[in-house]
Amino acid sequence: MSGVSLNQLPFIDLYVRLDQPEQALYRSKERGQTLANKIVPGEYQLAIDRFMSAVRTALPENASDGTIEFEGVRCRLSRQKMADNTIWVCARRINTVIPELEKLGFLPHLHAHMHDLGRRDGLILISGATGHGKTTTAVALLADFLRSYGGTAVTIEDPVEYLLKGRHGDSGHCFQVEVHAEEDWAISLKRSLRWSPRYIYVGEIRTPKAAEQLLRAATTGHLVITTVHAGSPEEALMGIQFLAEQAMGPGVQAMIAQGLTGLIHQTMKETGPFLRYIFTESDSAGDPVRSLIRESKIGMLSTYIDRTAARLGTGQPIPDNVQAWAAAQTAAKVAAAASINTPPPATPAAAAPAAPPRKI
């Protein structure tokens, strides 16, 4: 192999034309340059040519998505035919090292809360835009749970990104399933329940039937982790609700309220990950977050998170939960009581300031 290796190019996303040679582009993972679209330097051309050939082999004619191992780099592939009939592939670089939860750059108190979720069952939603580290956080959570608490995990992905299969810690084991068709999501989820998994990780919810199976799993003693493309926490919940209602009809809010354990909305900034989050109370049907979901007041959750973030910025105290905040809006007495400085609650709903940056 001559020339430099593709592994030396500091890319997050690599854009390569497949039908004929054209200048390749990339999005850099270097700090302060993650939004910049750059031209791949000429010394990488031989590596790009080899990569094009490998991609053609890795992606069959009828496949638009897949993964590839190439010159020490693991990538998720997405092939697309453009309006001018040119064919391009976007290669998203995947870190082959399984991420550690405590090294993701989250604040210590938040890391502790996330770690403790592994003792519970229900649904953990991790939402955000494309490229903001949702999968990294989800995989770090699952690996942490397996190492710390043991048990069997099943992942359902398209495609498999991080290689989690095998043993984790003294008593944890992970099996990974790769799906290739939309109808396979619900089928694979249903089959996974027969393996008696403690944990289920679903790479993304795409179909109504899959949403139904996910909610059923989350309310029958399993801890389910999934990622959702959404611009806000409330959009994530509404998206799950919309899909599930197509398969189950009205009344899905009650099942979401019952099953929700945690909601984490992640935005990757130049200074590190910025999180907005809600954790429900364990074994509490009267949890105020659950109540707002059942009453179709999801928008109120987002408002609460925003107001809490503002209080963090001004140094004002944080209300204990949504119920405390709502009461504070209508009762001056409760508002005055909430003004007493107290330590962070055991089940917070808040926004975490940006922490030191991490590589993705």
Foldseek 3Di string as FASTA:
>chain_A
DDFDAPVPAQFQKKKAWQPDHDFIWGQGLDFPGRVPIGTDDPSCVVNSVVVSVQVPVQADPPAQWDWDQGRNWIWTWGWDQDPVRTIMIMTGTADQDQDALVPQFFDPVVSVLLLVCLVAFFEEEEEEAPPQCSVSNLRNSVLSSCQPPAWEEEEEEAADGHPQAAHRHDHHGYHYHYDGDLVVLLVVLVVVVVVVTQEYEYAEDDALSNLQSQLVRLQPRHHYYYYYYDHAQLRRVVVSVVRPCVVVNPDCLLSNLNRDAKYWYWGQDSQGIKIFMFGFDPPDSVTPCSVCSSVVNSVLLRVLQVVQAVCVVVVFARAQHSVLVVVVVPDVVSVVVRRDHDPHHSTDGYITDGGGHDGD
